[in-house]
Amino acid sequence: MLFRKFPPRTLAMWAVVICALSSSGKAALGNGVPRLTWYGQSCFLLETSAGTRVLMDPVAPSAGHIPSEGFAADLITISHEHPDHSHISLVTGAPRIVRGLTADKKGWMKINEKFRDLSFRTIGVYHDEALGKQHGLNAIFVIETNGLRVAHLGDLGHKLSDQQLSELGQVDVVLIPVGGVSTIDADQAARVVDQIRPRLIVVPMHYQTEVESTKDLSSVDAFLSGRPHVRKVQSNSLTISALKKRPGAEVVVLGAP
């Protein structure tokens, strides 16, 4: 039977509803629906149904689309300490900051915690295919809220090992770099998606855009070529609602804010 390979929680399957959202951030489905917003490169804001705001890999102004009023967040996750992934100065208030690497950047923090209405954990990976000798270490963050698991791969630089896949487990949404240079490229990203097999959606990130300052990054088109179930939306946000399972994971390309 198909369901025997998944944990019991997968019997209550999810589906993704992509809704056009205005840049002011008003969800078309109303309150109580998890929402994901992209701000360029690898920076995403996840808002839970209870209103908790998680900012992942806060982007530098030169590499992303920063709101003029800055970011408001309750929790910040940082996959690694490169400045285009750890620009916390634009975040207002007093959020909790969780770093995936140790202070000396030579090891991974072992994180498995709860925060308000969500839980989060990390998996240690590398920024390159040479076990970190070129670009250092990187941490995958897995955030779970209301049974929905979102995996932010940071600047992943290689295919995942069996051990890393085991630690990752089943996820619903995967945020994956596809632009190459210092991360996996389009072909490698496709293989990683095949490894992970997310149940709902794949959101590409870290690729060339109009404001991206990193030279030589590829566009998202190479990753999309030949892939089924691709949807491009003009909005930079999407909402996720508990409906029936889709026939296959959908690749969702978010627009600029």
C-alpha atoms as a PDB file:
ATOM      1  CA  MET A   1       0.000   0.000   0.000  1.00  0.00           C
ATOM      2  CA  LEU A   2       1.198   3.533  -0.777  1.00  0.00           C
ATOM      3  CA  PHE A   3       0.708   4.922   2.734  1.00  0.00           C
ATOM      4  CA  ARG A   4       2.871   2.310   4.445  1.00  0.00           C
ATOM      5  CA  LYS A   5       6.048   4.181   3.498  1.00  0.00           C
ATOM      6  CA  PHE A   6       4.942   7.367   5.281  1.00  0.00           C
ATOM      7  CA  PRO A   7       4.411   8.178   8.988  1.00  0.00           C
ATOM      8  CA  PRO A   8       0.803   8.078  10.235  1.00  0.00           C
ATOM      9  CA  ARG A   9       0.522  11.857  10.103  1.00  0.00           C
ATOM     10  CA  THR A  10       0.593  11.710   6.300  1.00  0.00           C
ATOM     11  CA  LEU A  11      -2.882  10.183   6.258  1.00  0.00           C
ATOM     12  CA  ALA A  12      -4.128  13.726   6.745  1.00  0.00           C
ATOM     13  CA  MET A  13      -2.634  14.970   3.504  1.00  0.00           C
ATOM     14  CA  TRP A  14      -1.938  18.562   2.649  1.00  0.00           C
ATOM     15  CA  ALA A  15      -2.206  20.483  -0.575  1.00  0.00           C
ATOM     16  CA  VAL A  16      -0.980  23.859  -1.623  1.00  0.00           C
ATOM     17  CA  VAL A  17      -3.276  26.655  -2.595  1.00  0.00           C
ATOM     18  CA  ILE A  18      -1.424  29.423  -4.398  1.00  0.00           C
ATOM     19  CA  CYS A  19      -3.187  32.727  -3.948  1.00  0.00           C
ATOM     20  CA  ALA A  20      -2.288  36.121  -5.339  1.00  0.00           C
ATOM     21  CA  LEU A  21      -1.290  38.311  -2.420  1.00  0.00           C
ATOM     22  CA  SER A  22      -0.720  42.029  -2.466  1.00  0.00           C
ATOM     23  CA  SER A  23       2.656  43.364  -1.402  1.00  0.00           C
ATOM     24  CA  SER A  24       0.969  44.747   1.710  1.00  0.00           C
ATOM     25  CA  GLY A  25       0.810  41.162   2.955  1.00  0.00           C
ATOM     26  CA  LYS A  26      -2.956  40.593   3.247  1.00  0.00           C
ATOM     27  CA  ALA A  27      -3.720  36.923   2.729  1.00  0.00           C
ATOM     28  CA  ALA A  28      -6.485  36.160   0.277  1.00  0.00           C
ATOM     29  CA  LEU A  29      -7.693  33.256   2.434  1.00  0.00           C
ATOM     30  CA  GLY A  30      -7.952  35.330   5.598  1.00  0.00           C
ATOM     31  CA  ASN A  31      -6.420  34.737   8.999  1.00  0.00           C
ATOM     32  CA  GLY A  32      -5.283  31.377  10.332  1.00  0.00           C
ATOM     33  CA  VAL A  33      -3.555  30.147   7.151  1.00  0.00           C
ATOM     34  CA  PRO A  34       0.242  29.584   7.077  1.00  0.00           C
ATOM     35  CA  ARG A  35       1.939  31.896   4.613  1.00  0.00           C
ATOM     36  CA  LEU A  36       5.400  31.931   3.009  1.00  0.00           C
ATOM     37  CA  THR A  37       6.920  35.116   1.549  1.00  0.00           C
ATOM     38  CA  TRP A  38      10.135  35.387  -0.467  1.00  0.00           C
ATOM     39  CA  TYR A  39      12.400  38.440  -0.220  1.00  0.00           C
ATOM     40  CA  GLY A  40      15.096  37.444  -2.696  1.00  0.00           C
ATOM     41  CA  GLN A  41      18.032  35.060  -2.643  1.00  0.00           C
ATOM     42  CA  SER A  42      17.414  32.634   0.269  1.00  0.00           C
ATOM     43  CA  CYS A  43      15.360  34.918   2.506  1.00  0.00           C
ATOM     44  CA  PHE A  44      11.857  33.778   3.411  1.00  0.00           C
ATOM     45  CA  LEU A  45       9.322  34.780   6.015  1.00  0.00           C
ATOM     46  CA  LEU A  46       7.094  31.990   7.325  1.00  0.00           C
ATOM     47  CA  GLU A  47       3.974  33.132   9.163  1.00  0.00           C
ATOM     48  CA  THR A  48       2.170  30.407  11.088  1.00  0.00           C
ATOM     49  CA  SER A  49      -1.585  30.151  11.501  1.00  0.00           C
ATOM     50  CA  ALA A  50      -1.175  31.609  15.000  1.00  0.00           C
ATOM     51  CA  GLY A  51       0.778  34.595  13.692  1.00  0.00           C
ATOM     52  CA  THR A  52       4.341  33.590  14.661  1.00  0.00           C
ATOM     53  CA  ARG A  53       6.810  35.108  12.176  1.00  0.00           C
ATOM     54  CA  VAL A  54       9.963  33.158  11.292  1.00  0.00           C
ATOM     55  CA  LEU A  55      12.567  34.905   9.120  1.00  0.00           C
ATOM     56  CA  MET A  56      14.998  32.543   7.409  1.00  0.00           C
ATOM     57  CA  ASP A  57      18.448  33.697   6.192  1.00  0.00           C
ATOM     58  CA  PRO A  58      17.867  37.483   6.303  1.00  0.00           C
ATOM     59  CA  VAL A  59      19.228  38.901   3.076  1.00  0.00           C
ATOM     60  CA  ALA A  60      21.489  41.918   2.527  1.00  0.00           C
ATOM     61  CA  PRO A  61      19.893  44.856   0.662  1.00  0.00           C
ATOM     62  CA  SER A  62      22.199  44.377  -2.324  1.00  0.00           C
ATOM     63  CA  ALA A  63      20.972  40.831  -2.907  1.00  0.00           C
ATOM     64  CA  GLY A  64      17.270  40.942  -2.160  1.00  0.00           C
ATOM     65  CA  HIS A  65      14.017  42.886  -2.021  1.00  0.00           C
ATOM     66  CA  ILE A  66      13.898  44.455   1.437  1.00  0.00           C
ATOM     67  CA  PRO A  67      10.672  46.060   2.679  1.00  0.00           C
ATOM     68  CA  SER A  68      11.159  49.782   3.265  1.00  0.00           C
ATOM     69  CA  GLU A  69      10.001  49.367   6.856  1.00  0.00           C
ATOM     70  CA  GLY A  70      12.377  46.480   7.516  1.00  0.00           C
ATOM     71  CA  PHE A  71      11.458  43.034   8.808  1.00  0.00           C
ATOM     72  CA  ALA A  72       9.335  42.217  11.829  1.00  0.00           C
ATOM     73  CA  ALA A  73      10.041  38.718  13.144  1.00  0.00           C
ATOM     74  CA  ASP A  74       9.718  36.608  16.279  1.00  0.00           C
ATOM     75  CA  LEU A  75      12.361  34.051  15.319  1.00  0.00           C
ATOM     76  CA  ILE A  76      15.348  34.259  12.945  1.00  0.00           C
ATOM     77  CA  THR A  77      17.155  31.193  11.580  1.00  0.00           C
ATOM     78  CA  ILE A  78      20.596  31.498   9.987  1.00  0.00           C
ATOM     79  CA  SER A  79      21.935  28.586   7.949  1.00  0.00           C
ATOM     80  CA  HIS A  80      25.497  29.944   7.839  1.00  0.00           C
ATOM     81  CA  GLU A  81      27.327  33.160   8.583  1.00  0.00           C
ATOM     82  CA  HIS A  82      27.879  34.644   5.126  1.00  0.00           C
ATOM     83  CA  PRO A  83      26.669  38.268   5.152  1.00  0.00           C
ATOM     84  CA  ASP A  84      23.985  37.730   2.513  1.00  0.00           C
ATOM     85  CA  HIS A  85      22.341  35.144   4.778  1.00  0.00           C
ATOM     86  CA  SER A  86      22.783  36.721   8.208  1.00  0.00           C
ATOM     87  CA  HIS A  87      21.878  40.403   7.782  1.00  0.00           C
ATOM     88  CA  ILE A  88      19.937  40.784  11.029  1.00  0.00           C
ATOM     89  CA  SER A  89      20.309  44.568  11.344  1.00  0.00           C
ATOM     90  CA  LEU A  90      17.184  45.142   9.249  1.00  0.00           C
ATOM     91  CA  VAL A  91      15.002  43.161  11.663  1.00  0.00           C
ATOM     92  CA  THR A  92      12.943  45.230  14.054  1.00  0.00           C
ATOM     93  CA  GLY A  93      11.999  44.324  17.618  1.00  0.00           C
ATOM     94  CA  ALA A  94      13.800  41.730  19.718  1.00  0.00           C
ATOM     95  CA  PRO A  95      13.482  38.387  17.907  1.00  0.00           C
ATOM     96  CA  ARG A  96      15.156  35.206  19.023  1.00  0.00           C
ATOM     97  CA  ILE A  97      18.130  34.459  16.769  1.00  0.00           C
ATOM     98  CA  VAL A  98      19.094  30.831  16.092  1.00  0.00           C
ATOM     99  CA  ARG A  99      22.359  30.133  14.284  1.00  0.00           C
ATOM    100  CA  GLY A 100      23.012  26.805  12.600  1.00  0.00           C
ATOM    101  CA  LEU A 101      26.789  26.936  13.072  1.00  0.00           C
ATOM    102  CA  THR A 102      28.993  27.260  16.130  1.00  0.00           C
ATOM    103  CA  ALA A 103      30.631  30.603  16.911  1.00  0.00           C
ATOM    104  CA  ASP A 104      33.923  29.539  15.308  1.00  0.00           C
ATOM    105  CA  LYS A 105      32.042  28.282  12.210  1.00  0.00           C
ATOM    106  CA  LYS A 106      33.853  24.960  12.459  1.00  0.00           C
ATOM    107  CA  GLY A 107      30.916  22.909  13.659  1.00  0.00           C
ATOM    108  CA  TRP A 108      27.142  22.633  13.634  1.00  0.00           C
ATOM    109  CA  MET A 109      24.806  23.531  16.451  1.00  0.00           C
ATOM    110  CA  LYS A 110      22.635  20.587  17.477  1.00  0.00           C
ATOM    111  CA  ILE A 111      19.197  22.146  17.558  1.00  0.00           C
ATOM    112  CA  ASN A 112      15.842  20.503  18.229  1.00  0.00           C
ATOM    113  CA  GLU A 113      13.536  22.917  20.025  1.00  0.00           C
ATOM    114  CA  LYS A 114      10.034  24.293  20.314  1.00  0.00           C
ATOM    115  CA  PHE A 115       9.037  27.934  19.998  1.00  0.00           C
ATOM    116  CA  ARG A 116       5.451  29.037  20.500  1.00  0.00           C
ATOM    117  CA  ASP A 117       3.310  27.087  18.016  1.00  0.00           C
ATOM    118  CA  LEU A 118       6.189  25.541  16.063  1.00  0.00           C
ATOM    119  CA  SER A 119       9.242  23.331  16.411  1.00  0.00           C
ATOM    120  CA  PHE A 120      12.545  23.549  14.573  1.00  0.00           C
ATOM    121  CA  ARG A 121      15.637  21.425  14.157  1.00  0.00           C
ATOM    122  CA  THR A 122      18.817  21.376  12.094  1.00  0.00           C
ATOM    123  CA  ILE A 123      20.792  18.967   9.934  1.00  0.00           C
ATOM    124  CA  GLY A 124      24.483  19.625   9.380  1.00  0.00           C
ATOM    125  CA  VAL A 125      25.568  19.763   5.723  1.00  0.00           C
ATOM    126  CA  TYR A 126      28.262  21.486   3.647  1.00  0.00           C
ATOM    127  CA  HIS A 127      28.432  24.590   1.478  1.00  0.00           C
ATOM    128  CA  ASP A 128      30.384  22.688  -1.205  1.00  0.00           C
ATOM    129  CA  GLU A 129      31.254  19.213  -2.443  1.00  0.00           C
ATOM    130  CA  ALA A 130      34.632  19.236  -0.660  1.00  0.00           C
ATOM    131  CA  LEU A 131      33.273  18.755   2.874  1.00  0.00           C
ATOM    132  CA  GLY A 132      33.343  22.475   3.514  1.00  0.00           C
ATOM    133  CA  LYS A 133      36.952  23.073   2.485  1.00  0.00           C
ATOM    134  CA  GLN A 134      35.925  25.644  -0.145  1.00  0.00           C
ATOM    135  CA  HIS A 135      33.008  27.552   1.378  1.00  0.00           C
ATOM    136  CA  GLY A 136      32.530  26.162   4.868  1.00  0.00           C
ATOM    137  CA  LEU A 137      29.602  24.537   6.624  1.00  0.00           C
ATOM    138  CA  ASN A 138      25.853  24.986   6.220  1.00  0.00           C
ATOM    139  CA  ALA A 139      22.796  23.959   8.215  1.00  0.00           C
ATOM    140  CA  ILE A 140      19.410  22.832   6.957  1.00  0.00           C
ATOM    141  CA  PHE A 141      16.534  24.097   9.110  1.00  0.00           C
ATOM    142  CA  VAL A 142      13.330  22.059   9.324  1.00  0.00           C
ATOM    143  CA  ILE A 143      10.403  23.994  10.753  1.00  0.00           C
ATOM    144  CA  GLU A 144       7.147  22.263  11.665  1.00  0.00           C
ATOM    145  CA  THR A 145       3.855  23.936  12.495  1.00  0.00           C
ATOM    146  CA  ASN A 146       0.380  22.401  12.492  1.00  0.00           C
ATOM    147  CA  GLY A 147       1.759  19.207  10.954  1.00  0.00           C
ATOM    148  CA  LEU A 148       3.381  21.070   8.046  1.00  0.00           C
ATOM    149  CA  ARG A 149       7.134  20.578   7.630  1.00  0.00           C
ATOM    150  CA  VAL A 150       9.186  23.174   5.744  1.00  0.00           C
ATOM    151  CA  ALA A 151      12.859  22.493   4.966  1.00  0.00           C
ATOM    152  CA  HIS A 152      15.115  25.462   4.195  1.00  0.00           C
ATOM    153  CA  LEU A 153      18.318  24.081   2.652  1.00  0.00           C
ATOM    154  CA  GLY A 154      20.402  27.250   3.007  1.00  0.00           C
ATOM    155  CA  ASP A 155      23.449  27.239   0.741  1.00  0.00           C
ATOM    156  CA  LEU A 156      23.564  23.494   0.222  1.00  0.00           C
ATOM    157  CA  GLY A 157      26.527  22.543  -1.961  1.00  0.00           C
ATOM    158  CA  HIS A 158      26.135  18.798  -2.553  1.00  0.00           C
ATOM    159  CA  LYS A 159      23.798  15.837  -2.800  1.00  0.00           C
ATOM    160  CA  LEU A 160      22.579  14.525   0.530  1.00  0.00           C
ATOM    161  CA  SER A 161      24.023  11.417   2.126  1.00  0.00           C
ATOM    162  CA  ASP A 162      21.834   8.586   3.367  1.00  0.00           C
ATOM    163  CA  GLN A 163      22.447   9.758   6.929  1.00  0.00           C
ATOM    164  CA  GLN A 164      21.444  13.326   6.121  1.00  0.00           C
ATOM    165  CA  LEU A 165      18.312  12.128   4.328  1.00  0.00           C
ATOM    166  CA  SER A 166      17.414   9.995   7.325  1.00  0.00           C
ATOM    167  CA  GLU A 167      17.806  12.980   9.647  1.00  0.00           C
ATOM    168  CA  LEU A 168      15.741  15.161   7.328  1.00  0.00           C
ATOM    169  CA  GLY A 169      12.846  12.734   7.088  1.00  0.00           C
ATOM    170  CA  GLN A 170       9.643  13.440   5.188  1.00  0.00           C
ATOM    171  CA  VAL A 171       8.971  17.101   4.435  1.00  0.00           C
ATOM    172  CA  ASP A 172       6.099  18.908   2.750  1.00  0.00           C
ATOM    173  CA  VAL A 173       7.797  22.046   1.422  1.00  0.00           C
ATOM    174  CA  VAL A 174      11.433  22.381   0.382  1.00  0.00           C
ATOM    175  CA  LEU A 175      13.208  25.698  -0.278  1.00  0.00           C
ATOM    176  CA  ILE A 176      16.195  24.868  -2.463  1.00  0.00           C
ATOM    177  CA  PRO A 177      19.061  26.820  -4.104  1.00  0.00           C
ATOM    178  CA  VAL A 178      19.298  26.322  -7.859  1.00  0.00           C
ATOM    179  CA  GLY A 179      21.643  29.019  -9.196  1.00  0.00           C
ATOM    180  CA  GLY A 180      25.021  27.327  -8.812  1.00  0.00           C
ATOM    181  CA  VAL A 181      28.382  29.122  -8.280  1.00  0.00           C
ATOM    182  CA  SER A 182      28.739  28.508  -4.521  1.00  0.00           C
ATOM    183  CA  THR A 183      25.714  26.202  -4.136  1.00  0.00           C
ATOM    184  CA  ILE A 184      24.184  23.320  -6.048  1.00  0.00           C
ATOM    185  CA  ASP A 185      23.227  24.169  -9.631  1.00  0.00           C
ATOM    186  CA  ALA A 186      20.043  23.318 -11.503  1.00  0.00           C
ATOM    187  CA  ASP A 187      20.995  19.714 -12.302  1.00  0.00           C
ATOM    188  CA  GLN A 188      22.214  19.026  -8.777  1.00  0.00           C
ATOM    189  CA  ALA A 189      19.101  20.657  -7.323  1.00  0.00           C
ATOM    190  CA  ALA A 190      16.918  18.375  -9.429  1.00  0.00           C
ATOM    191  CA  ARG A 191      18.747  15.350  -8.022  1.00  0.00           C
ATOM    192  CA  VAL A 192      18.366  16.633  -4.459  1.00  0.00           C
ATOM    193  CA  VAL A 193      14.638  17.121  -5.010  1.00  0.00           C
ATOM    194  CA  ASP A 194      14.465  13.520  -6.241  1.00  0.00           C
ATOM    195  CA  GLN A 195      16.272  12.467  -3.067  1.00  0.00           C
ATOM    196  CA  ILE A 196      14.007  14.387  -0.698  1.00  0.00           C
ATOM    197  CA  ARG A 197      10.731  13.809  -2.548  1.00  0.00           C
ATOM    198  CA  PRO A 198       8.762  16.581  -0.824  1.00  0.00           C
ATOM    199  CA  ARG A 199       5.043  15.871  -0.693  1.00  0.00           C
ATOM    200  CA  LEU A 200       3.688  19.267  -1.635  1.00  0.00           C
ATOM    201  CA  ILE A 201       5.874  21.944  -3.168  1.00  0.00           C
ATOM    202  CA  VAL A 202       9.390  22.916  -4.207  1.00  0.00           C
ATOM    203  CA  VAL A 203      10.314  26.599  -4.077  1.00  0.00           C
ATOM    204  CA  PRO A 204      13.555  27.480  -5.924  1.00  0.00           C
ATOM    205  CA  MET A 205      15.778  30.190  -4.437  1.00  0.00           C
ATOM    206  CA  HIS A 206      19.276  31.666  -4.729  1.00  0.00           C
ATOM    207  CA  TYR A 207      19.227  32.308  -8.475  1.00  0.00           C
ATOM    208  CA  GLN A 208      19.811  35.336 -10.677  1.00  0.00           C
ATOM    209  CA  THR A 209      17.226  38.133 -10.427  1.00  0.00           C
ATOM    210  CA  GLU A 210      17.166  41.788 -11.399  1.00  0.00           C
ATOM    211  CA  VAL A 211      18.609  42.877  -8.032  1.00  0.00           C
ATOM    212  CA  GLU A 212      20.855  39.893  -7.264  1.00  0.00           C
ATOM    213  CA  SER A 213      24.452  41.107  -6.863  1.00  0.00           C
ATOM    214  CA  THR A 214      26.170  37.703  -7.020  1.00  0.00           C
ATOM    215  CA  LYS A 215      27.797  37.353 -10.410  1.00  0.00           C
ATOM    216  CA  ASP A 216      27.395  34.290 -12.641  1.00  0.00           C
ATOM    217  CA  LEU A 217      24.332  32.868 -10.893  1.00  0.00           C
ATOM    218  CA  SER A 218      22.073  31.011 -13.299  1.00  0.00           C
ATOM    219  CA  SER A 219      18.452  31.970 -13.779  1.00  0.00           C
ATOM    220  CA  VAL A 220      15.690  29.719 -12.524  1.00  0.00           C
ATOM    221  CA  ASP A 221      14.886  28.582 -16.083  1.00  0.00           C
ATOM    222  CA  ALA A 222      17.506  25.829 -16.161  1.00  0.00           C
ATOM    223  CA  PHE A 223      15.950  24.226 -13.082  1.00  0.00           C
ATOM    224  CA  LEU A 224      12.450  24.470 -14.525  1.00  0.00           C
ATOM    225  CA  SER A 225      13.327  22.977 -17.907  1.00  0.00           C
ATOM    226  CA  GLY A 226      11.509  19.697 -18.424  1.00  0.00           C
ATOM    227  CA  ARG A 227       9.964  19.628 -14.955  1.00  0.00           C
ATOM    228  CA  PRO A 228       6.241  18.839 -14.616  1.00  0.00           C
ATOM    229  CA  HIS A 229       3.838  20.702 -12.336  1.00  0.00           C
ATOM    230  CA  VAL A 230       5.500  24.125 -12.600  1.00  0.00           C
ATOM    231  CA  ARG A 231       3.576  27.222 -11.572  1.00  0.00           C
ATOM    232  CA  LYS A 232       4.848  30.786 -11.837  1.00  0.00           C
ATOM    233  CA  VAL A 233       3.036  33.375  -9.758  1.00  0.00           C
ATOM    234  CA  GLN A 234       3.367  37.142  -9.828  1.00  0.00           C
ATOM    235  CA  SER A 235       3.137  37.475  -6.069  1.00  0.00           C
ATOM    236  CA  ASN A 236       6.080  36.840  -3.763  1.00  0.00           C
ATOM    237  CA  SER A 237       3.785  35.056  -1.273  1.00  0.00           C
ATOM    238  CA  LEU A 238       1.838  31.835  -1.111  1.00  0.00           C
ATOM    239  CA  THR A 239      -0.570  30.383   1.386  1.00  0.00           C
ATOM    240  CA  ILE A 240      -0.785  26.719   2.348  1.00  0.00           C
ATOM    241  CA  SER A 241      -4.113  25.137   3.210  1.00  0.00           C
ATOM    242  CA  ALA A 242      -5.070  21.671   4.458  1.00  0.00           C
ATOM    243  CA  LEU A 243      -6.794  20.033   1.504  1.00  0.00           C
ATOM    244  CA  LYS A 244      -6.363  16.761  -0.329  1.00  0.00           C
ATOM    245  CA  LYS A 245      -3.009  15.629  -1.627  1.00  0.00           C
ATOM    246  CA  ARG A 246      -1.921  16.758  -5.097  1.00  0.00           C
ATOM    247  CA  PRO A 247      -0.878  14.116  -7.653  1.00  0.00           C
ATOM    248  CA  GLY A 248       2.747  15.313  -7.412  1.00  0.00           C
ATOM    249  CA  ALA A 249       4.922  17.954  -5.817  1.00  0.00           C
ATOM    250  CA  GLU A 250       4.503  21.311  -7.533  1.00  0.00           C
ATOM    251  CA  VAL A 251       7.384  23.650  -8.345  1.00  0.00           C
ATOM    252  CA  VAL A 252       6.303  27.162  -7.410  1.00  0.00           C
ATOM    253  CA  VAL A 253       8.326  30.128  -8.684  1.00  0.00           C
ATOM    254  CA  LEU A 254       7.554  33.193  -6.624  1.00  0.00           C
ATOM    255  CA  GLY A 255       7.621  36.661  -8.114  1.00  0.00           C
ATOM    256  CA  ALA A 256       9.495  39.717  -6.919  1.00  0.00           C
ATOM    257  CA  PRO A 257       7.809  41.754  -4.168  1.00  0.00           C
END
